[in-house]
C-alpha atoms as a PDB file:
ATOM      1  CA  MET A   1      23.095 -25.251 -12.718  1.00  0.00           C
ATOM      2  CA  GLY A   2      22.315 -21.603 -12.187  1.00  0.00           C
ATOM      3  CA  LYS A   3      20.750 -20.980 -15.686  1.00  0.00           C
ATOM      4  CA  PHE A   4      18.674 -24.250 -15.395  1.00  0.00           C
ATOM      5  CA  PHE A   5      17.414 -23.124 -11.885  1.00  0.00           C
ATOM      6  CA  LEU A   6      16.657 -19.755 -13.217  1.00  0.00           C
ATOM      7  CA  PHE A   7      14.656 -21.336 -16.072  1.00  0.00           C
ATOM      8  CA  LEU A   8      12.731 -23.378 -13.575  1.00  0.00           C
ATOM      9  CA  LEU A   9      12.064 -20.447 -11.439  1.00  0.00           C
ATOM     10  CA  THR A  10      10.883 -18.342 -14.302  1.00  0.00           C
ATOM     11  CA  LEU A  11       8.726 -21.265 -15.565  1.00  0.00           C
ATOM     12  CA  TRP A  12       7.134 -21.715 -12.196  1.00  0.00           C
ATOM     13  CA  PHE A  13       6.715 -18.012 -11.621  1.00  0.00           C
ATOM     14  CA  PHE A  14       4.937 -17.174 -14.842  1.00  0.00           C
ATOM     15  CA  SER A  15       2.766 -20.369 -14.775  1.00  0.00           C
ATOM     16  CA  SER A  16       1.243 -19.409 -11.540  1.00  0.00           C
ATOM     17  CA  PRO A  17      -2.547 -18.832 -11.478  1.00  0.00           C
ATOM     18  CA  ALA A  18      -2.183 -15.182 -10.870  1.00  0.00           C
ATOM     19  CA  SER A  19      -0.191 -14.479 -13.984  1.00  0.00           C
ATOM     20  CA  ALA A  20      -2.818 -16.507 -16.041  1.00  0.00           C
ATOM     21  CA  GLN A  21      -5.520 -14.075 -14.732  1.00  0.00           C
ATOM     22  CA  SER A  22      -3.998 -11.114 -16.449  1.00  0.00           C
ATOM     23  CA  SER A  23      -2.863 -10.829 -20.042  1.00  0.00           C
ATOM     24  CA  LYS A  24      -0.639  -7.816 -19.373  1.00  0.00           C
ATOM     25  CA  GLU A  25       2.390  -8.408 -17.142  1.00  0.00           C
ATOM     26  CA  ASP A  26       2.452  -6.011 -14.078  1.00  0.00           C
ATOM     27  CA  ALA A  27       5.437  -3.715 -13.735  1.00  0.00           C
ATOM     28  CA  ILE A  28       6.058  -5.327 -10.272  1.00  0.00           C
ATOM     29  CA  ASP A  29       6.532  -8.709 -11.777  1.00  0.00           C
ATOM     30  CA  ILE A  30       8.738  -7.363 -14.562  1.00  0.00           C
ATOM     31  CA  ALA A  31      11.023  -5.762 -12.096  1.00  0.00           C
ATOM     32  CA  TYR A  32      11.001  -8.876  -9.878  1.00  0.00           C
ATOM     33  CA  ARG A  33      11.969 -11.083 -12.782  1.00  0.00           C
ATOM     34  CA  ASP A  34      14.625  -8.638 -13.936  1.00  0.00           C
ATOM     35  CA  CYS A  35      16.042  -8.455 -10.393  1.00  0.00           C
ATOM     36  CA  LEU A  36      16.219 -12.295 -10.360  1.00  0.00           C
ATOM     37  CA  LEU A  37      17.890 -12.469 -13.647  1.00  0.00           C
ATOM     38  CA  LYS A  38      20.952 -10.304 -12.264  1.00  0.00           C
ATOM     39  CA  ASP A  39      21.903 -12.815  -9.582  1.00  0.00           C
ATOM     40  CA  THR A  40      20.460 -16.115  -8.578  1.00  0.00           C
ATOM     41  CA  SER A  41      22.070 -16.339  -5.146  1.00  0.00           C
ATOM     42  CA  SER A  42      19.705 -16.932  -2.034  1.00  0.00           C
ATOM     43  CA  GLY A  43      20.671 -13.519  -0.737  1.00  0.00           C
ATOM     44  CA  ASN A  44      19.526 -11.829  -4.003  1.00  0.00           C
ATOM     45  CA  ILE A  45      16.345 -14.002  -4.326  1.00  0.00           C
ATOM     46  CA  ASP A  46      15.427 -12.656  -0.851  1.00  0.00           C
ATOM     47  CA  ALA A  47      16.223  -9.199  -1.602  1.00  0.00           C
ATOM     48  CA  CYS A  48      14.252  -9.161  -4.912  1.00  0.00           C
ATOM     49  CA  ALA A  49      11.424 -10.869  -3.233  1.00  0.00           C
ATOM     50  CA  PHE A  50      11.353  -8.462  -0.439  1.00  0.00           C
ATOM     51  CA  VAL A  51      11.095  -5.453  -2.743  1.00  0.00           C
ATOM     52  CA  ALA A  52       8.392  -7.147  -5.015  1.00  0.00           C
ATOM     53  CA  TYR A  53       6.383  -8.327  -1.944  1.00  0.00           C
ATOM     54  CA  GLY A  54       6.426  -4.792  -0.478  1.00  0.00           C
ATOM     55  CA  LYS A  55       5.249  -3.287  -3.906  1.00  0.00           C
ATOM     56  CA  TRP A  56       2.427  -5.840  -4.064  1.00  0.00           C
ATOM     57  CA  ASN A  57       1.380  -5.232  -0.577  1.00  0.00           C
ATOM     58  CA  LYS A  58       1.232  -1.556  -1.131  1.00  0.00           C
ATOM     59  CA  GLU A  59      -0.891  -2.138  -4.285  1.00  0.00           C
ATOM     60  CA  LEU A  60      -3.070  -4.391  -2.155  1.00  0.00           C
ATOM     61  CA  ASP A  61      -3.694  -1.549   0.280  1.00  0.00           C
ATOM     62  CA  LYS A  62      -4.270   0.926  -2.437  1.00  0.00           C
ATOM     63  CA  THR A  63      -6.679  -1.296  -4.399  1.00  0.00           C
ATOM     64  CA  TYR A  64      -8.613  -2.197  -1.181  1.00  0.00           C
ATOM     65  CA  ASP A  65      -9.070   1.482  -0.358  1.00  0.00           C
ATOM     66  CA  LYS A  66     -10.150   2.332  -3.701  1.00  0.00           C
ATOM     67  CA  LEU A  67     -12.790  -0.511  -3.494  1.00  0.00           C
ATOM     68  CA  MET A  68     -13.905   0.554  -0.068  1.00  0.00           C
ATOM     69  CA  LYS A  69     -14.557   4.064  -1.390  1.00  0.00           C
ATOM     70  CA  THR A  70     -16.368   2.831  -4.380  1.00  0.00           C
ATOM     71  CA  LEU A  71     -18.828   0.805  -2.300  1.00  0.00           C
ATOM     72  CA  LYS A  72     -21.726   2.932  -1.144  1.00  0.00           C
ATOM     73  CA  LYS A  73     -23.665   0.453   1.169  1.00  0.00           C
ATOM     74  CA  THR A  74     -22.519  -0.153   4.595  1.00  0.00           C
ATOM     75  CA  LYS A  75     -23.441  -3.853   4.241  1.00  0.00           C
ATOM     76  CA  ASP A  76     -21.237  -4.105   1.220  1.00  0.00           C
ATOM     77  CA  LYS A  77     -18.321  -2.389   2.942  1.00  0.00           C
ATOM     78  CA  ASN A  78     -18.736  -4.752   5.927  1.00  0.00           C
ATOM     79  CA  ALA A  79     -18.792  -7.802   3.714  1.00  0.00           C
ATOM     80  CA  LEU A  80     -15.627  -6.579   2.038  1.00  0.00           C
ATOM     81  CA  LYS A  81     -13.890  -5.938   5.362  1.00  0.00           C
ATOM     82  CA  GLN A  82     -14.999  -9.572   6.463  1.00  0.00           C
ATOM     83  CA  SER A  83     -13.621 -11.022   3.265  1.00  0.00           C
ATOM     84  CA  GLN A  84     -10.413  -9.127   3.593  1.00  0.00           C
ATOM     85  CA  THR A  85      -9.974 -10.327   7.270  1.00  0.00           C
ATOM     86  CA  ALA A  86     -10.707 -14.049   6.195  1.00  0.00           C
ATOM     87  CA  TRP A  87      -8.104 -13.570   3.383  1.00  0.00           C
ATOM     88  CA  LYS A  88      -5.542 -12.290   5.767  1.00  0.00           C
ATOM     89  CA  ALA A  89      -6.005 -15.339   8.062  1.00  0.00           C
ATOM     90  CA  TYR A  90      -5.638 -17.565   4.886  1.00  0.00           C
ATOM     91  CA  ARG A  91      -2.474 -15.632   3.809  1.00  0.00           C
ATOM     92  CA  ASP A  92      -0.841 -15.971   7.101  1.00  0.00           C
ATOM     93  CA  ALA A  93      -1.661 -19.729   7.302  1.00  0.00           C
ATOM     94  CA  GLU A  94      -0.219 -20.220   3.937  1.00  0.00           C
ATOM     95  CA  PHE A  95       2.896 -18.289   4.830  1.00  0.00           C
ATOM     96  CA  THR A  96       3.251 -20.505   7.967  1.00  0.00           C
ATOM     97  CA  SER A  97       2.936 -23.509   5.710  1.00  0.00           C
ATOM     98  CA  TYR A  98       5.460 -22.218   3.229  1.00  0.00           C
ATOM     99  CA  ASP A  99       7.875 -21.586   6.189  1.00  0.00           C
ATOM    100  CA  ASN A 100       7.538 -25.198   7.321  1.00  0.00           C
ATOM    101  CA  MET A 101       7.584 -26.998   3.927  1.00  0.00           C
ATOM    102  CA  PHE A 102      10.382 -24.941   2.399  1.00  0.00           C
ATOM    103  CA  ASN A 103      12.559 -24.448   5.415  1.00  0.00           C
ATOM    104  CA  SER A 104      15.670 -26.030   3.821  1.00  0.00           C
ATOM    105  CA  PRO A 105      18.844 -24.488   2.780  1.00  0.00           C
ATOM    106  CA  GLY A 106      19.357 -23.771  -0.833  1.00  0.00           C
ATOM    107  CA  LYS A 107      18.112 -21.207  -3.400  1.00  0.00           C
ATOM    108  CA  LYS A 108      15.408 -23.637  -4.751  1.00  0.00           C
ATOM    109  CA  TRP A 109      13.493 -23.594  -1.556  1.00  0.00           C
ATOM    110  CA  CYS A 110      14.143 -19.996  -0.873  1.00  0.00           C
ATOM    111  CA  ALA A 111      12.689 -19.079  -4.293  1.00  0.00           C
ATOM    112  CA  LEU A 112       9.632 -21.255  -3.804  1.00  0.00           C
ATOM    113  CA  ARG A 113       8.908 -19.823  -0.537  1.00  0.00           C
ATOM    114  CA  GLN A 114       9.380 -16.200  -1.596  1.00  0.00           C
ATOM    115  CA  SER A 115       7.479 -16.493  -5.022  1.00  0.00           C
ATOM    116  CA  GLY A 116       4.673 -18.311  -3.248  1.00  0.00           C
ATOM    117  CA  ARG A 117       4.251 -15.503  -0.826  1.00  0.00           C
ATOM    118  CA  ILE A 118       4.253 -12.914  -3.619  1.00  0.00           C
ATOM    119  CA  ASP A 119       1.719 -14.975  -5.702  1.00  0.00           C
ATOM    120  CA  ILE A 120      -0.708 -14.976  -2.783  1.00  0.00           C
ATOM    121  CA  VAL A 121      -0.674 -11.168  -2.423  1.00  0.00           C
ATOM    122  CA  ARG A 122      -0.550 -10.580  -6.224  1.00  0.00           C
ATOM    123  CA  THR A 123      -3.680 -12.957  -6.728  1.00  0.00           C
ATOM    124  CA  ARG A 124      -5.661 -10.935  -4.101  1.00  0.00           C
ATOM    125  CA  VAL A 125      -4.816  -7.668  -5.767  1.00  0.00           C
ATOM    126  CA  LEU A 126      -5.832  -8.911  -9.132  1.00  0.00           C
ATOM    127  CA  GLN A 127      -9.017 -10.242  -7.602  1.00  0.00           C
ATOM    128  CA  LEU A 128      -9.773  -6.882  -5.947  1.00  0.00           C
ATOM    129  CA  ARG A 129      -8.935  -5.077  -9.257  1.00  0.00           C
ATOM    130  CA  GLY A 130     -11.467  -7.308 -11.046  1.00  0.00           C
ATOM    131  CA  TYR A 131     -14.108  -6.279  -8.566  1.00  0.00           C
ATOM    132  CA  LEU A 132     -13.380  -2.584  -9.172  1.00  0.00           C
ATOM    133  CA  GLU A 133     -13.494  -3.139 -12.983  1.00  0.00           C
ATOM    134  CA  SER A 134     -16.807  -4.915 -12.722  1.00  0.00           C
ATOM    135  CA  MET A 135     -18.123  -2.058 -10.504  1.00  0.00           C
ATOM    136  CA  LYS A 136     -17.047   0.478 -13.118  1.00  0.00           C
ATOM    137  CA  LYS A 137     -18.835  -1.318 -15.978  1.00  0.00           C
ATOM    138  CA  ASN A 138     -22.178  -1.473 -13.824  1.00  0.00           C
END
């Protein structure tokens, strides 16, 4: 059961939209996957997810700050601020939804809730990184 669950978790985790956006796997995701492979208990899933989410959140702040420094026009900075505020509202609503949908005992639900949270932040980081790359090319 444990190996099958881990297979399903890995399959779901790496078939997510964010991982399809990047051909190179991020070090945060590698560390998260390695952490999950060590122990599939709910407690370990939570611990691994907590670390991975924290790293992605730091990366989000870092990438957002870089992008803000890259933008020169006040209207562009204001547009990014507005976009980020709207994204945070979306993120919070999704997290509430996950908490309600996956609020059941068992590691399957724990893993879905935690991986979903990480995926939302990872996707935003990748999006902001894409903006930065586009700006560098222009």
